Amino acid sequence: MSQNKALSMIGLATKAGKVASGEFCTEKEVKSKRACLVIVADDASDNTKKKFQNMCDFYQVPIYFYKDKETLGHAMGKEFRASLVVLDEGFAKGIRKHIDTENQTIA
């Protein structure tokens, strides 16, 4: 398996300090209108997914349901992460592009 570019970019954005993770921080950044992109783990609870979907719709922030908690956490150098928010437009665009490309090759 080739290295996942979207996860690599999440790692880079984390090192650059442009990512906040965890439910509380993600929610805070979306509501303060600093969020450029929200990523929620596919294996997060339905309640968590619905909460972030509704919040992102309201605040008009793009949201992706991607990979699992362990994979997202690992990309950030942490344990498990159900949600994360990208705070930089450049990183957000790059990550979205790679996730979209990945989804097209799977479909």
C-alpha atoms as a PDB file:
ATOM      1  CA  MET A   1       0.000   0.000   0.000  1.00  0.00           C
ATOM      2  CA  SER A   2       1.341   3.419  -0.914  1.00  0.00           C
ATOM      3  CA  GLN A   3       1.622   6.102   1.697  1.00  0.00           C
ATOM      4  CA  ASN A   4      -1.613   8.019   2.178  1.00  0.00           C
ATOM      5  CA  LYS A   5      -1.113  11.635   1.085  1.00  0.00           C
ATOM      6  CA  ALA A   6      -4.132  12.994   2.978  1.00  0.00           C
ATOM      7  CA  LEU A   7      -2.872  11.488   6.240  1.00  0.00           C
ATOM      8  CA  SER A   8       0.634  12.810   5.546  1.00  0.00           C
ATOM      9  CA  MET A   9      -0.779  16.304   5.076  1.00  0.00           C
ATOM     10  CA  ILE A  10      -2.738  15.988   8.340  1.00  0.00           C
ATOM     11  CA  GLY A  11       0.574  15.118  10.020  1.00  0.00           C
ATOM     12  CA  LEU A  12       2.308  18.129   8.442  1.00  0.00           C
ATOM     13  CA  ALA A  13      -0.527  20.466   9.415  1.00  0.00           C
ATOM     14  CA  THR A  14      -0.346  19.126  12.980  1.00  0.00           C
ATOM     15  CA  LYS A  15       3.397  19.804  13.172  1.00  0.00           C
ATOM     16  CA  ALA A  16       2.763  23.311  11.841  1.00  0.00           C
ATOM     17  CA  GLY A  17       0.231  23.877  14.620  1.00  0.00           C
ATOM     18  CA  LYS A  18      -2.662  24.226  12.199  1.00  0.00           C
ATOM     19  CA  VAL A  19      -4.782  21.356  13.567  1.00  0.00           C
ATOM     20  CA  ALA A  20      -6.905  21.088  16.687  1.00  0.00           C
ATOM     21  CA  SER A  21      -8.322  17.726  17.671  1.00  0.00           C
ATOM     22  CA  GLY A  22     -10.832  16.215  20.022  1.00  0.00           C
ATOM     23  CA  GLU A  23     -14.538  16.903  20.185  1.00  0.00           C
ATOM     24  CA  PHE A  24     -14.349  19.968  22.442  1.00  0.00           C
ATOM     25  CA  CYS A  25     -11.568  21.739  20.507  1.00  0.00           C
ATOM     26  CA  THR A  26     -13.118  20.930  17.140  1.00  0.00           C
ATOM     27  CA  GLU A  27     -16.456  22.363  18.237  1.00  0.00           C
ATOM     28  CA  LYS A  28     -14.791  25.493  19.674  1.00  0.00           C
ATOM     29  CA  GLU A  29     -12.862  26.206  16.447  1.00  0.00           C
ATOM     30  CA  VAL A  30     -15.914  25.701  14.220  1.00  0.00           C
ATOM     31  CA  LYS A  31     -18.016  28.045  16.376  1.00  0.00           C
ATOM     32  CA  SER A  32     -15.255  30.677  16.434  1.00  0.00           C
ATOM     33  CA  LYS A  33     -15.260  30.523  12.599  1.00  0.00           C
ATOM     34  CA  ARG A  34     -11.559  29.593  12.344  1.00  0.00           C
ATOM     35  CA  ALA A  35     -12.209  26.120  10.933  1.00  0.00           C
ATOM     36  CA  CYS A  36     -11.370  25.476   7.276  1.00  0.00           C
ATOM     37  CA  LEU A  37     -12.111  21.745   7.298  1.00  0.00           C
ATOM     38  CA  VAL A  38     -13.509  19.211   9.768  1.00  0.00           C
ATOM     39  CA  ILE A  39     -12.633  15.515   9.599  1.00  0.00           C
ATOM     40  CA  VAL A  40     -14.585  12.994  11.668  1.00  0.00           C
ATOM     41  CA  ALA A  41     -13.573   9.342  11.933  1.00  0.00           C
ATOM     42  CA  ASP A  42     -15.880   6.903  10.122  1.00  0.00           C
ATOM     43  CA  ASP A  43     -16.090   4.772  13.252  1.00  0.00           C
ATOM     44  CA  ALA A  44     -17.161   7.672  15.488  1.00  0.00           C
ATOM     45  CA  SER A  45     -20.570   7.295  17.109  1.00  0.00           C
ATOM     46  CA  ASP A  46     -23.648   8.207  15.084  1.00  0.00           C
ATOM     47  CA  ASN A  47     -24.374  10.899  17.657  1.00  0.00           C
ATOM     48  CA  THR A  48     -20.933  12.490  17.133  1.00  0.00           C
ATOM     49  CA  LYS A  49     -21.261  12.340  13.333  1.00  0.00           C
ATOM     50  CA  LYS A  50     -24.730  13.917  13.414  1.00  0.00           C
ATOM     51  CA  LYS A  51     -23.589  16.658  15.820  1.00  0.00           C
ATOM     52  CA  PHE A  52     -20.642  17.674  13.630  1.00  0.00           C
ATOM     53  CA  GLN A  53     -22.634  17.339  10.389  1.00  0.00           C
ATOM     54  CA  ASN A  54     -25.306  19.721  11.710  1.00  0.00           C
ATOM     55  CA  MET A  55     -22.714  22.140  13.119  1.00  0.00           C
ATOM     56  CA  CYS A  56     -20.706  22.199   9.888  1.00  0.00           C
ATOM     57  CA  ASP A  57     -23.861  22.708   7.805  1.00  0.00           C
ATOM     58  CA  PHE A  58     -24.835  25.642  10.013  1.00  0.00           C
ATOM     59  CA  TYR A  59     -21.391  27.290  10.003  1.00  0.00           C
ATOM     60  CA  GLN A  60     -20.746  26.303   6.350  1.00  0.00           C
ATOM     61  CA  VAL A  61     -17.553  24.363   7.017  1.00  0.00           C
ATOM     62  CA  PRO A  62     -16.668  21.400   4.762  1.00  0.00           C
ATOM     63  CA  ILE A  63     -16.807  18.079   6.615  1.00  0.00           C
ATOM     64  CA  TYR A  64     -15.421  14.661   5.717  1.00  0.00           C
ATOM     65  CA  PHE A  65     -16.033  11.289   7.334  1.00  0.00           C
ATOM     66  CA  TYR A  66     -12.685   9.592   6.855  1.00  0.00           C
ATOM     67  CA  LYS A  67     -10.772   6.494   8.022  1.00  0.00           C
ATOM     68  CA  ASP A  68     -11.006   5.404  11.663  1.00  0.00           C
ATOM     69  CA  LYS A  69     -10.133   6.920  15.040  1.00  0.00           C
ATOM     70  CA  GLU A  70      -6.848   5.044  15.324  1.00  0.00           C
ATOM     71  CA  THR A  71      -5.654   6.049  11.835  1.00  0.00           C
ATOM     72  CA  LEU A  72      -6.521   9.728  12.378  1.00  0.00           C
ATOM     73  CA  GLY A  73      -4.821   9.719  15.761  1.00  0.00           C
ATOM     74  CA  HIS A  74      -1.738   8.013  14.361  1.00  0.00           C
ATOM     75  CA  ALA A  75      -1.471  10.608  11.561  1.00  0.00           C
ATOM     76  CA  MET A  76      -1.341  13.295  14.272  1.00  0.00           C
ATOM     77  CA  GLY A  77       1.110  11.405  16.459  1.00  0.00           C
ATOM     78  CA  LYS A  78      -1.518  10.743  19.107  1.00  0.00           C
ATOM     79  CA  GLU A  79      -3.639   7.775  20.285  1.00  0.00           C
ATOM     80  CA  PHE A  80      -7.222   7.944  19.054  1.00  0.00           C
ATOM     81  CA  ARG A  81      -8.940  10.951  17.536  1.00  0.00           C
ATOM     82  CA  ALA A  82     -12.628  10.928  16.575  1.00  0.00           C
ATOM     83  CA  SER A  83     -12.526  14.464  15.197  1.00  0.00           C
ATOM     84  CA  LEU A  84     -10.070  17.093  14.090  1.00  0.00           C
ATOM     85  CA  VAL A  85     -10.238  20.540  12.564  1.00  0.00           C
ATOM     86  CA  VAL A  86      -7.802  22.077  10.075  1.00  0.00           C
ATOM     87  CA  LEU A  87      -7.216  25.802  10.716  1.00  0.00           C
ATOM     88  CA  ASP A  88      -5.275  26.664   7.554  1.00  0.00           C
ATOM     89  CA  GLU A  89      -6.947  27.110   4.152  1.00  0.00           C
ATOM     90  CA  GLY A  90      -3.903  25.809   2.219  1.00  0.00           C
ATOM     91  CA  PHE A  91      -3.667  22.589   4.220  1.00  0.00           C
ATOM     92  CA  ALA A  92      -7.458  22.195   4.084  1.00  0.00           C
ATOM     93  CA  LYS A  93      -7.484  22.447   0.272  1.00  0.00           C
ATOM     94  CA  GLY A  94      -4.658  19.933  -0.077  1.00  0.00           C
ATOM     95  CA  ILE A  95      -6.239  17.430   2.312  1.00  0.00           C
ATOM     96  CA  ARG A  96      -9.634  17.754   0.599  1.00  0.00           C
ATOM     97  CA  LYS A  97      -8.015  17.198  -2.808  1.00  0.00           C
ATOM     98  CA  HIS A  98      -6.275  14.012  -1.645  1.00  0.00           C
ATOM     99  CA  ILE A  99      -9.387  12.624   0.077  1.00  0.00           C
ATOM    100  CA  ASP A 100     -11.504  13.358  -3.016  1.00  0.00           C
ATOM    101  CA  THR A 101      -8.902  11.674  -5.275  1.00  0.00           C
ATOM    102  CA  GLU A 102      -8.786   8.668  -2.949  1.00  0.00           C
ATOM    103  CA  ASN A 103     -12.596   8.387  -2.943  1.00  0.00           C
ATOM    104  CA  GLN A 104     -12.699   8.526  -6.765  1.00  0.00           C
ATOM    105  CA  THR A 105     -10.173   5.707  -7.136  1.00  0.00           C
ATOM    106  CA  ILE A 106     -12.159   3.518  -4.701  1.00  0.00           C
ATOM    107  CA  ALA A 107     -15.568   4.189  -6.329  1.00  0.00           C
END
